[in-house]
Amino acid sequence: MEGTNNIKHKQIIVEACSKYYKYEYKSSEIECDYQSGLTNYVYKVLSTKLHHEFKVIIRIFGTQTAIFTNRKRENMAYKSIREQKITPKMLFVTDDYRLEEFIETVDYNQKDLYMDKDNLTKVAFTLAKLHQTQLPKEFERKSLIMEAIDGPVIQAFAKKCQKGEEFYTKKELLII
């Protein structure tokens, strides 16, 4: 198991699986395979415990990523897209992680992908479905990036105004 907090992550994974499957798993009964992640730590998780087998994906949300993404809105978008059957099922979500259905896939290299017209057609239809997805009204207000920077920018502006300072100094604007 890779990742910077692998002991902590293993504890989170065991706890999440125990909660969702309503069975107290031991750490030794669960295998974790780190997959990837930019703002999340993504693991493929499985248990072969007799009568308690499962295979899932868990996304442990990275710390200090609130500036990049709003998890509440991300999960709302995920649910909306899931209704189109484009994403795996969201099984369980907390402020710290999201447990998702694991779907077996086939790895394609670029050449195979582009040579298979049926696959390209499926990709095109899936993308069309994605772009036609109706998101909740909350998404119409502003983009995720704007929402993420709006609060800190407004707070910084208010503090500088209270002190009678310019919002951006020449140094901050790199005009030195």
C-alpha atoms as a PDB file:
ATOM      1  CA  MET A   1       0.000   0.000   0.000  1.00  0.00           C
ATOM      2  CA  GLU A   2       1.499   3.316  -1.088  1.00  0.00           C
ATOM      3  CA  GLY A   3       0.615   6.893  -0.262  1.00  0.00           C
ATOM      4  CA  THR A   4       2.019   9.261   2.307  1.00  0.00           C
ATOM      5  CA  ASN A   5      -0.271   8.239   5.188  1.00  0.00           C
ATOM      6  CA  ASN A   6      -0.563   4.524   4.519  1.00  0.00           C
ATOM      7  CA  ILE A   7      -1.111   3.431   8.149  1.00  0.00           C
ATOM      8  CA  LYS A   8      -3.757   6.104   8.667  1.00  0.00           C
ATOM      9  CA  HIS A   9      -5.278   5.293   5.278  1.00  0.00           C
ATOM     10  CA  LYS A  10      -5.472   1.589   6.107  1.00  0.00           C
ATOM     11  CA  GLN A  11      -7.349   2.468   9.321  1.00  0.00           C
ATOM     12  CA  ILE A  12      -9.769   4.692   7.391  1.00  0.00           C
ATOM     13  CA  ILE A  13     -10.310   1.952   4.797  1.00  0.00           C
ATOM     14  CA  VAL A  14     -10.988  -0.760   7.393  1.00  0.00           C
ATOM     15  CA  GLU A  15     -13.389   1.576   9.231  1.00  0.00           C
ATOM     16  CA  ALA A  16     -15.206   2.569   6.012  1.00  0.00           C
ATOM     17  CA  CYS A  17     -15.640  -1.021   4.843  1.00  0.00           C
ATOM     18  CA  SER A  18     -16.755  -2.148   8.301  1.00  0.00           C
ATOM     19  CA  LYS A  19     -19.382   0.625   8.411  1.00  0.00           C
ATOM     20  CA  TYR A  20     -20.711   0.007   4.916  1.00  0.00           C
ATOM     21  CA  TYR A  21     -20.739  -3.796   5.052  1.00  0.00           C
ATOM     22  CA  LYS A  22     -21.829  -3.905   8.734  1.00  0.00           C
ATOM     23  CA  TYR A  23     -19.085  -6.370   9.624  1.00  0.00           C
ATOM     24  CA  GLU A  24     -16.024  -5.692  11.797  1.00  0.00           C
ATOM     25  CA  TYR A  25     -13.127  -6.367   9.438  1.00  0.00           C
ATOM     26  CA  LYS A  26      -9.616  -6.848  10.736  1.00  0.00           C
ATOM     27  CA  SER A  27      -6.849  -5.016   8.939  1.00  0.00           C
ATOM     28  CA  SER A  28      -5.423  -8.367   7.795  1.00  0.00           C
ATOM     29  CA  GLU A  29      -8.725  -9.246   6.049  1.00  0.00           C
ATOM     30  CA  ILE A  30      -8.575  -6.284   3.689  1.00  0.00           C
ATOM     31  CA  GLU A  31      -6.136  -5.757   0.828  1.00  0.00           C
ATOM     32  CA  CYS A  32      -5.465  -2.246  -0.466  1.00  0.00           C
ATOM     33  CA  ASP A  33      -3.870  -1.362  -3.786  1.00  0.00           C
ATOM     34  CA  TYR A  34      -2.989   2.339  -4.229  1.00  0.00           C
ATOM     35  CA  GLN A  35      -4.110   3.501  -7.689  1.00  0.00           C
ATOM     36  CA  SER A  36      -3.490   7.233  -8.101  1.00  0.00           C
ATOM     37  CA  GLY A  37      -4.755  10.641  -7.165  1.00  0.00           C
ATOM     38  CA  LEU A  38      -4.120  14.369  -7.386  1.00  0.00           C
ATOM     39  CA  THR A  39      -6.455  15.672  -4.690  1.00  0.00           C
ATOM     40  CA  ASN A  40      -7.489  12.206  -3.469  1.00  0.00           C
ATOM     41  CA  TYR A  41      -5.719   9.024  -2.483  1.00  0.00           C
ATOM     42  CA  VAL A  42      -7.450   6.332  -4.536  1.00  0.00           C
ATOM     43  CA  TYR A  43      -7.300   2.683  -3.507  1.00  0.00           C
ATOM     44  CA  LYS A  44      -8.737  -0.503  -4.935  1.00  0.00           C
ATOM     45  CA  VAL A  45      -9.856  -2.435  -1.863  1.00  0.00           C
ATOM     46  CA  LEU A  46     -10.877  -6.068  -1.547  1.00  0.00           C
ATOM     47  CA  SER A  47     -11.679  -8.687   1.015  1.00  0.00           C
ATOM     48  CA  THR A  48     -11.726 -12.414   0.428  1.00  0.00           C
ATOM     49  CA  LYS A  49     -13.102 -13.143   3.921  1.00  0.00           C
ATOM     50  CA  LEU A  50     -15.545 -16.037   3.442  1.00  0.00           C
ATOM     51  CA  HIS A  51     -19.153 -14.742   3.267  1.00  0.00           C
ATOM     52  CA  HIS A  52     -17.862 -11.158   3.518  1.00  0.00           C
ATOM     53  CA  GLU A  53     -16.132 -10.721   0.155  1.00  0.00           C
ATOM     54  CA  PHE A  54     -16.146  -7.411  -1.660  1.00  0.00           C
ATOM     55  CA  LYS A  55     -14.180  -5.261  -4.101  1.00  0.00           C
ATOM     56  CA  VAL A  56     -14.572  -1.448  -4.027  1.00  0.00           C
ATOM     57  CA  ILE A  57     -12.789   1.814  -4.721  1.00  0.00           C
ATOM     58  CA  ILE A  58     -12.208   4.289  -1.909  1.00  0.00           C
ATOM     59  CA  ARG A  59     -11.220   7.908  -2.456  1.00  0.00           C
ATOM     60  CA  ILE A  60      -9.672   9.374   0.660  1.00  0.00           C
ATOM     61  CA  PHE A  61      -9.920  13.106   0.214  1.00  0.00           C
ATOM     62  CA  GLY A  62      -6.623  14.933   0.445  1.00  0.00           C
ATOM     63  CA  THR A  63      -6.153  17.455   3.193  1.00  0.00           C
ATOM     64  CA  GLN A  64      -6.040  21.147   2.335  1.00  0.00           C
ATOM     65  CA  THR A  65      -7.710  20.624  -1.048  1.00  0.00           C
ATOM     66  CA  ALA A  66     -10.720  22.833  -0.282  1.00  0.00           C
ATOM     67  CA  ILE A  67      -9.164  25.619  -2.365  1.00  0.00           C
ATOM     68  CA  PHE A  68      -9.315  23.342  -5.421  1.00  0.00           C
ATOM     69  CA  THR A  69     -12.598  21.547  -4.920  1.00  0.00           C
ATOM     70  CA  ASN A  70     -15.808  21.749  -2.952  1.00  0.00           C
ATOM     71  CA  ARG A  71     -16.474  18.134  -1.880  1.00  0.00           C
ATOM     72  CA  LYS A  72     -20.171  18.720  -1.250  1.00  0.00           C
ATOM     73  CA  ARG A  73     -20.670  20.003  -4.791  1.00  0.00           C
ATOM     74  CA  GLU A  74     -18.373  17.305  -6.191  1.00  0.00           C
ATOM     75  CA  ASN A  75     -20.528  14.616  -4.591  1.00  0.00           C
ATOM     76  CA  MET A  76     -23.723  16.275  -5.865  1.00  0.00           C
ATOM     77  CA  ALA A  77     -22.279  16.316  -9.380  1.00  0.00           C
ATOM     78  CA  TYR A  78     -21.195  12.694  -9.008  1.00  0.00           C
ATOM     79  CA  LYS A  79     -24.748  11.675  -8.039  1.00  0.00           C
ATOM     80  CA  SER A  80     -26.209  13.581 -11.002  1.00  0.00           C
ATOM     81  CA  ILE A  81     -23.799  11.942 -13.418  1.00  0.00           C
ATOM     82  CA  ARG A  82     -24.422   8.554 -11.800  1.00  0.00           C
ATOM     83  CA  GLU A  83     -28.116   8.866 -12.696  1.00  0.00           C
ATOM     84  CA  GLN A  84     -26.958   8.651 -16.326  1.00  0.00           C
ATOM     85  CA  LYS A  85     -25.095   5.424 -15.417  1.00  0.00           C
ATOM     86  CA  ILE A  86     -21.793   6.980 -16.483  1.00  0.00           C
ATOM     87  CA  THR A  87     -19.986   6.517 -13.173  1.00  0.00           C
ATOM     88  CA  PRO A  88     -19.799   3.685 -10.649  1.00  0.00           C
ATOM     89  CA  LYS A  89     -22.326   3.726  -7.799  1.00  0.00           C
ATOM     90  CA  MET A  90     -21.483   5.898  -4.813  1.00  0.00           C
ATOM     91  CA  LEU A  91     -21.879   3.468  -1.916  1.00  0.00           C
ATOM     92  CA  PHE A  92     -21.012   5.606   1.092  1.00  0.00           C
ATOM     93  CA  VAL A  93     -19.644   9.102   1.587  1.00  0.00           C
ATOM     94  CA  THR A  94     -18.318  11.129   4.536  1.00  0.00           C
ATOM     95  CA  ASP A  95     -16.342  14.358   4.802  1.00  0.00           C
ATOM     96  CA  ASP A  96     -13.138  12.293   4.631  1.00  0.00           C
ATOM     97  CA  TYR A  97     -13.769   9.678   1.939  1.00  0.00           C
ATOM     98  CA  ARG A  98     -16.087   8.247  -0.715  1.00  0.00           C
ATOM     99  CA  LEU A  99     -16.645   4.515  -1.175  1.00  0.00           C
ATOM    100  CA  GLU A 100     -17.545   3.548  -4.753  1.00  0.00           C
ATOM    101  CA  GLU A 101     -18.534   0.447  -6.635  1.00  0.00           C
ATOM    102  CA  PHE A 102     -15.597  -1.294  -8.330  1.00  0.00           C
ATOM    103  CA  ILE A 103     -16.114  -2.077 -12.005  1.00  0.00           C
ATOM    104  CA  GLU A 104     -13.780  -4.465 -13.811  1.00  0.00           C
ATOM    105  CA  THR A 105     -12.436  -2.836 -16.958  1.00  0.00           C
ATOM    106  CA  VAL A 106     -10.224  -3.621 -19.887  1.00  0.00           C
ATOM    107  CA  ASP A 107      -7.037  -1.648 -20.395  1.00  0.00           C
ATOM    108  CA  TYR A 108      -6.684  -0.204 -23.885  1.00  0.00           C
ATOM    109  CA  ASN A 109      -3.632   1.331 -25.393  1.00  0.00           C
ATOM    110  CA  GLN A 110      -4.248   4.353 -27.626  1.00  0.00           C
ATOM    111  CA  LYS A 111      -3.755   2.434 -30.846  1.00  0.00           C
ATOM    112  CA  ASP A 112      -6.332  -0.207 -29.914  1.00  0.00           C
ATOM    113  CA  LEU A 113      -8.773   2.413 -28.713  1.00  0.00           C
ATOM    114  CA  TYR A 114      -8.625   4.406 -31.944  1.00  0.00           C
ATOM    115  CA  MET A 115      -8.742   1.326 -34.161  1.00  0.00           C
ATOM    116  CA  ASP A 116     -11.919  -0.010 -32.546  1.00  0.00           C
ATOM    117  CA  LYS A 117     -14.825   1.911 -34.130  1.00  0.00           C
ATOM    118  CA  ASP A 118     -17.347   0.370 -31.732  1.00  0.00           C
ATOM    119  CA  ASN A 119     -15.353   1.697 -28.802  1.00  0.00           C
ATOM    120  CA  LEU A 120     -15.066   5.159 -30.305  1.00  0.00           C
ATOM    121  CA  THR A 121     -18.826   5.188 -30.832  1.00  0.00           C
ATOM    122  CA  LYS A 122     -19.401   4.182 -27.201  1.00  0.00           C
ATOM    123  CA  VAL A 123     -17.011   6.904 -26.016  1.00  0.00           C
ATOM    124  CA  ALA A 124     -18.794   9.502 -28.161  1.00  0.00           C
ATOM    125  CA  PHE A 125     -22.234   8.490 -26.845  1.00  0.00           C
ATOM    126  CA  THR A 126     -20.988   8.513 -23.258  1.00  0.00           C
ATOM    127  CA  LEU A 127     -19.490  11.991 -23.663  1.00  0.00           C
ATOM    128  CA  ALA A 128     -22.719  13.226 -25.252  1.00  0.00           C
ATOM    129  CA  LYS A 129     -24.684  11.814 -22.288  1.00  0.00           C
ATOM    130  CA  LEU A 130     -22.282  13.471 -19.864  1.00  0.00           C
ATOM    131  CA  HIS A 131     -22.680  16.869 -21.513  1.00  0.00           C
ATOM    132  CA  GLN A 132     -26.481  16.554 -21.465  1.00  0.00           C
ATOM    133  CA  THR A 133     -26.580  15.786 -17.732  1.00  0.00           C
ATOM    134  CA  GLN A 134     -28.722  18.228 -15.777  1.00  0.00           C
ATOM    135  CA  LEU A 135     -26.817  19.341 -12.692  1.00  0.00           C
ATOM    136  CA  PRO A 136     -28.537  20.685  -9.572  1.00  0.00           C
ATOM    137  CA  LYS A 137     -29.428  24.401  -9.526  1.00  0.00           C
ATOM    138  CA  GLU A 138     -26.504  25.131  -7.162  1.00  0.00           C
ATOM    139  CA  PHE A 139     -24.126  24.668 -10.087  1.00  0.00           C
ATOM    140  CA  GLU A 140     -25.622  27.544 -12.047  1.00  0.00           C
ATOM    141  CA  ARG A 141     -24.318  30.147  -9.585  1.00  0.00           C
ATOM    142  CA  LYS A 142     -20.603  29.981 -10.362  1.00  0.00           C
ATOM    143  CA  SER A 143     -17.872  27.575 -11.290  1.00  0.00           C
ATOM    144  CA  LEU A 144     -16.172  25.373  -8.708  1.00  0.00           C
ATOM    145  CA  ILE A 145     -12.945  27.368  -9.113  1.00  0.00           C
ATOM    146  CA  MET A 146     -14.722  30.684  -8.622  1.00  0.00           C
ATOM    147  CA  GLU A 147     -16.459  29.369  -5.513  1.00  0.00           C
ATOM    148  CA  ALA A 148     -13.160  28.073  -4.154  1.00  0.00           C
ATOM    149  CA  ILE A 149     -11.358  31.414  -4.569  1.00  0.00           C
ATOM    150  CA  ASP A 150     -14.307  33.703  -3.902  1.00  0.00           C
ATOM    151  CA  GLY A 151     -14.271  33.382  -0.118  1.00  0.00           C
ATOM    152  CA  PRO A 152     -10.510  33.816   0.404  1.00  0.00           C
ATOM    153  CA  VAL A 153     -10.284  36.665  -2.145  1.00  0.00           C
ATOM    154  CA  ILE A 154     -13.206  38.561  -0.620  1.00  0.00           C
ATOM    155  CA  GLN A 155     -11.810  38.065   2.893  1.00  0.00           C
ATOM    156  CA  ALA A 156      -8.372  39.311   1.843  1.00  0.00           C
ATOM    157  CA  PHE A 157      -9.944  42.317   0.102  1.00  0.00           C
ATOM    158  CA  ALA A 158     -12.037  43.153   3.196  1.00  0.00           C
ATOM    159  CA  LYS A 159      -8.977  42.995   5.486  1.00  0.00           C
ATOM    160  CA  LYS A 160      -6.946  45.269   3.208  1.00  0.00           C
ATOM    161  CA  CYS A 161      -9.838  47.734   2.888  1.00  0.00           C
ATOM    162  CA  GLN A 162     -10.187  47.878   6.672  1.00  0.00           C
ATOM    163  CA  LYS A 163      -6.486  48.737   6.939  1.00  0.00           C
ATOM    164  CA  GLY A 164      -6.795  51.318   4.145  1.00  0.00           C
ATOM    165  CA  GLU A 165      -4.381  49.363   1.921  1.00  0.00           C
ATOM    166  CA  GLU A 166      -4.509  48.844  -1.827  1.00  0.00           C
ATOM    167  CA  PHE A 167      -6.000  45.467  -2.683  1.00  0.00           C
ATOM    168  CA  TYR A 168      -2.971  44.383  -4.684  1.00  0.00           C
ATOM    169  CA  THR A 169       0.395  45.981  -4.129  1.00  0.00           C
ATOM    170  CA  LYS A 170       2.863  46.281  -7.008  1.00  0.00           C
ATOM    171  CA  LYS A 171       4.900  43.516  -5.410  1.00  0.00           C
ATOM    172  CA  GLU A 172       1.847  41.200  -5.291  1.00  0.00           C
ATOM    173  CA  LEU A 173       1.172  41.931  -8.941  1.00  0.00           C
ATOM    174  CA  LEU A 174       4.847  41.265  -9.727  1.00  0.00           C
ATOM    175  CA  ILE A 175       5.254  44.782 -11.145  1.00  0.00           C
ATOM    176  CA  ILE A 176       8.505  45.640  -9.411  1.00  0.00           C
END
